[in-house]
Amino acid sequence: MSASLSDVQHQTIAAIVRAVGEGRGHCVIRLLDEFVQEADLAALFALREALHDARPSPGHRSRTVGSQ
């Protein structure tokens, strides 16, 4: 992530990535609403990069509830 981001922005980006990974859509929406109010272009690119880096590799299959 970019060094020009505030600690709060770094923490919020980490929380968004965690919430996306855990499938907590309602939390993602709330966090994004707060994040974009103060985010500049660098912060938005940092979020994009963090989300991209957190994606599973193409061969990775995540387990969903009920799959066995």
N, C-alpha and C. Protein backbone atom coordinates (compact mmCIF):
# COMPACT_ATOMS: atom_id res chain seq x y z
N MET A 1 0.83 -1.19 0.00
CA MET A 1 0.00 0.00 0.00
C MET A 1 0.87 1.24 0.00
N SER A 2 0.30 2.31 -0.43
CA SER A 2 1.04 3.55 -0.57
C SER A 2 1.41 4.15 0.78
N ALA A 3 2.62 4.73 0.84
CA ALA A 3 3.07 5.36 2.07
C ALA A 3 2.35 6.67 2.34
N SER A 4 1.69 7.23 1.32
CA SER A 4 1.00 8.51 1.50
C SER A 4 -0.36 8.36 2.18
N LEU A 5 -0.77 7.15 2.45
CA LEU A 5 -2.06 6.94 3.09
C LEU A 5 -1.95 7.11 4.60
N SER A 6 -3.02 7.56 5.20
CA SER A 6 -3.05 7.70 6.66
C SER A 6 -3.21 6.32 7.31
N ASP A 7 -2.92 6.26 8.59
CA ASP A 7 -3.11 5.01 9.32
C ASP A 7 -4.56 4.56 9.26
N VAL A 8 -5.48 5.50 9.35
CA VAL A 8 -6.91 5.18 9.29
C VAL A 8 -7.25 4.57 7.93
N GLN A 9 -6.71 5.14 6.85
CA GLN A 9 -6.98 4.59 5.53
C GLN A 9 -6.40 3.19 5.39
N HIS A 10 -5.19 2.97 5.89
CA HIS A 10 -4.60 1.62 5.86
C HIS A 10 -5.48 0.63 6.63
N GLN A 11 -5.94 1.03 7.79
CA GLN A 11 -6.79 0.15 8.60
C GLN A 11 -8.13 -0.12 7.93
N THR A 12 -8.68 0.89 7.31
CA THR A 12 -9.97 0.72 6.64
C THR A 12 -9.84 -0.18 5.43
N ILE A 13 -8.77 -0.01 4.67
CA ILE A 13 -8.54 -0.89 3.52
C ILE A 13 -8.41 -2.33 4.00
N ALA A 14 -7.66 -2.57 5.05
CA ALA A 14 -7.52 -3.93 5.58
C ALA A 14 -8.87 -4.48 6.03
N ALA A 15 -9.69 -3.65 6.65
CA ALA A 15 -11.02 -4.09 7.10
C ALA A 15 -11.92 -4.41 5.92
N ILE A 16 -11.84 -3.63 4.85
CA ILE A 16 -12.64 -3.89 3.65
C ILE A 16 -12.22 -5.20 3.03
N VAL A 17 -10.92 -5.41 2.88
CA VAL A 17 -10.42 -6.67 2.29
C VAL A 17 -10.87 -7.86 3.12
N ARG A 18 -10.77 -7.74 4.45
CA ARG A 18 -11.22 -8.82 5.35
C ARG A 18 -12.71 -9.09 5.17
N ALA A 19 -13.52 -8.03 5.14
CA ALA A 19 -14.97 -8.19 5.02
C ALA A 19 -15.34 -8.82 3.68
N VAL A 20 -14.66 -8.42 2.61
CA VAL A 20 -14.91 -9.02 1.29
C VAL A 20 -14.58 -10.50 1.34
N GLY A 21 -13.43 -10.84 1.89
CA GLY A 21 -13.00 -12.23 1.98
C GLY A 21 -13.93 -13.10 2.80
N GLU A 22 -14.56 -12.49 3.80
CA GLU A 22 -15.48 -13.22 4.67
C GLU A 22 -16.91 -13.20 4.16
N GLY A 23 -17.14 -12.47 3.06
CA GLY A 23 -18.48 -12.43 2.47
C GLY A 23 -19.47 -11.59 3.25
N ARG A 24 -18.98 -10.61 4.00
CA ARG A 24 -19.86 -9.76 4.80
C ARG A 24 -20.22 -8.49 4.02
N GLY A 25 -21.13 -8.64 3.07
CA GLY A 25 -21.51 -7.56 2.17
C GLY A 25 -22.00 -6.31 2.87
N HIS A 26 -22.81 -6.48 3.90
CA HIS A 26 -23.35 -5.31 4.62
C HIS A 26 -22.23 -4.49 5.25
N CYS A 27 -21.21 -5.17 5.74
CA CYS A 27 -20.06 -4.51 6.35
C CYS A 27 -19.22 -3.82 5.27
N VAL A 28 -19.05 -4.47 4.12
CA VAL A 28 -18.29 -3.87 3.01
C VAL A 28 -18.94 -2.56 2.59
N ILE A 29 -20.24 -2.55 2.45
CA ILE A 29 -20.95 -1.34 2.03
C ILE A 29 -20.73 -0.22 3.03
N ARG A 30 -20.85 -0.51 4.30
CA ARG A 30 -20.67 0.50 5.34
C ARG A 30 -19.25 1.05 5.32
N LEU A 31 -18.28 0.15 5.24
CA LEU A 31 -16.87 0.57 5.23
C LEU A 31 -16.55 1.39 3.98
N LEU A 32 -17.06 0.98 2.83
CA LEU A 32 -16.81 1.73 1.60
C LEU A 32 -17.44 3.11 1.66
N ASP A 33 -18.64 3.20 2.19
CA ASP A 33 -19.31 4.50 2.32
C ASP A 33 -18.45 5.46 3.14
N GLU A 34 -17.87 4.98 4.22
CA GLU A 34 -17.01 5.82 5.06
C GLU A 34 -15.69 6.13 4.35
N PHE A 35 -15.11 5.13 3.70
CA PHE A 35 -13.80 5.28 3.07
C PHE A 35 -13.82 6.32 1.95
N VAL A 36 -14.82 6.27 1.09
CA VAL A 36 -14.81 7.15 -0.09
C VAL A 36 -15.06 8.61 0.26
N GLN A 37 -15.56 8.89 1.44
CA GLN A 37 -15.80 10.28 1.82
C GLN A 37 -14.50 11.07 1.92
N GLU A 38 -13.40 10.42 2.32
CA GLU A 38 -12.12 11.10 2.49
C GLU A 38 -11.05 10.61 1.51
N ALA A 39 -11.37 9.60 0.72
CA ALA A 39 -10.36 8.98 -0.15
C ALA A 39 -10.02 9.86 -1.34
N ASP A 40 -8.72 9.93 -1.62
CA ASP A 40 -8.27 10.57 -2.85
C ASP A 40 -7.94 9.45 -3.85
N LEU A 41 -7.43 9.83 -5.00
CA LEU A 41 -7.15 8.84 -6.04
C LEU A 41 -6.12 7.80 -5.56
N ALA A 42 -5.11 8.24 -4.83
CA ALA A 42 -4.10 7.31 -4.33
C ALA A 42 -4.72 6.27 -3.40
N ALA A 43 -5.64 6.70 -2.55
CA ALA A 43 -6.30 5.77 -1.62
C ALA A 43 -7.18 4.78 -2.39
N LEU A 44 -7.86 5.25 -3.42
CA LEU A 44 -8.71 4.36 -4.21
C LEU A 44 -7.86 3.32 -4.95
N PHE A 45 -6.73 3.76 -5.48
CA PHE A 45 -5.83 2.79 -6.14
C PHE A 45 -5.25 1.80 -5.13
N ALA A 46 -4.95 2.26 -3.93
CA ALA A 46 -4.44 1.36 -2.89
C ALA A 46 -5.49 0.32 -2.53
N LEU A 47 -6.75 0.72 -2.45
CA LEU A 47 -7.83 -0.23 -2.17
C LEU A 47 -7.95 -1.24 -3.30
N ARG A 48 -7.91 -0.75 -4.52
CA ARG A 48 -7.99 -1.64 -5.68
C ARG A 48 -6.86 -2.67 -5.66
N GLU A 49 -5.65 -2.21 -5.39
CA GLU A 49 -4.49 -3.11 -5.33
C GLU A 49 -4.64 -4.13 -4.21
N ALA A 50 -5.09 -3.69 -3.05
CA ALA A 50 -5.25 -4.61 -1.92
C ALA A 50 -6.30 -5.67 -2.22
N LEU A 51 -7.39 -5.27 -2.84
CA LEU A 51 -8.44 -6.24 -3.20
C LEU A 51 -7.93 -7.21 -4.26
N HIS A 52 -7.18 -6.70 -5.22
CA HIS A 52 -6.62 -7.56 -6.25
C HIS A 52 -5.65 -8.57 -5.66
N ASP A 53 -4.78 -8.10 -4.76
CA ASP A 53 -3.79 -8.98 -4.13
C ASP A 53 -4.45 -10.05 -3.26
N ALA A 54 -5.62 -9.76 -2.74
CA ALA A 54 -6.30 -10.70 -1.84
C ALA A 54 -7.12 -11.75 -2.58
N ARG A 55 -7.26 -11.57 -3.89
CA ARG A 55 -8.04 -12.55 -4.65
C ARG A 55 -7.38 -13.91 -4.63
N PRO A 56 -8.20 -14.96 -4.59
CA PRO A 56 -7.62 -16.31 -4.66
C PRO A 56 -6.99 -16.53 -6.03
N SER A 57 -6.00 -17.38 -6.09
CA SER A 57 -5.37 -17.70 -7.38
C SER A 57 -6.39 -18.39 -8.27
N PRO A 58 -6.20 -18.34 -9.60
CA PRO A 58 -7.19 -18.91 -10.53
C PRO A 58 -7.51 -20.38 -10.28
N GLY A 59 -6.54 -21.16 -9.82
CA GLY A 59 -6.79 -22.58 -9.57
C GLY A 59 -7.41 -22.87 -8.22
N HIS A 60 -7.53 -21.84 -7.37
CA HIS A 60 -8.05 -22.01 -6.01
C HIS A 60 -9.57 -22.04 -6.04
N ARG A 61 -10.15 -23.04 -5.38
CA ARG A 61 -11.61 -23.13 -5.26
C ARG A 61 -11.98 -22.96 -3.80
N SER A 62 -12.73 -21.91 -3.49
CA SER A 62 -13.14 -21.70 -2.10
C SER A 62 -14.34 -22.59 -1.80
N ARG A 63 -14.42 -23.01 -0.56
CA ARG A 63 -15.56 -23.81 -0.12
C ARG A 63 -16.66 -22.88 0.31
N THR A 64 -17.84 -23.20 -0.09
CA THR A 64 -19.00 -22.42 0.35
C THR A 64 -19.80 -23.26 1.32
N VAL A 65 -20.63 -22.61 2.08
CA VAL A 65 -21.47 -23.32 3.04
C VAL A 65 -22.32 -24.32 2.31
N GLY A 66 -22.31 -25.54 2.77
CA GLY A 66 -23.13 -26.58 2.17
C GLY A 66 -22.40 -27.41 1.12
N SER A 67 -21.23 -26.96 0.64
CA SER A 67 -20.51 -27.77 -0.34
C SER A 67 -19.60 -28.75 0.38
N GLN A 68 -19.49 -29.94 -0.16
CA GLN A 68 -18.65 -30.95 0.47
C GLN A 68 -17.96 -31.77 -0.57
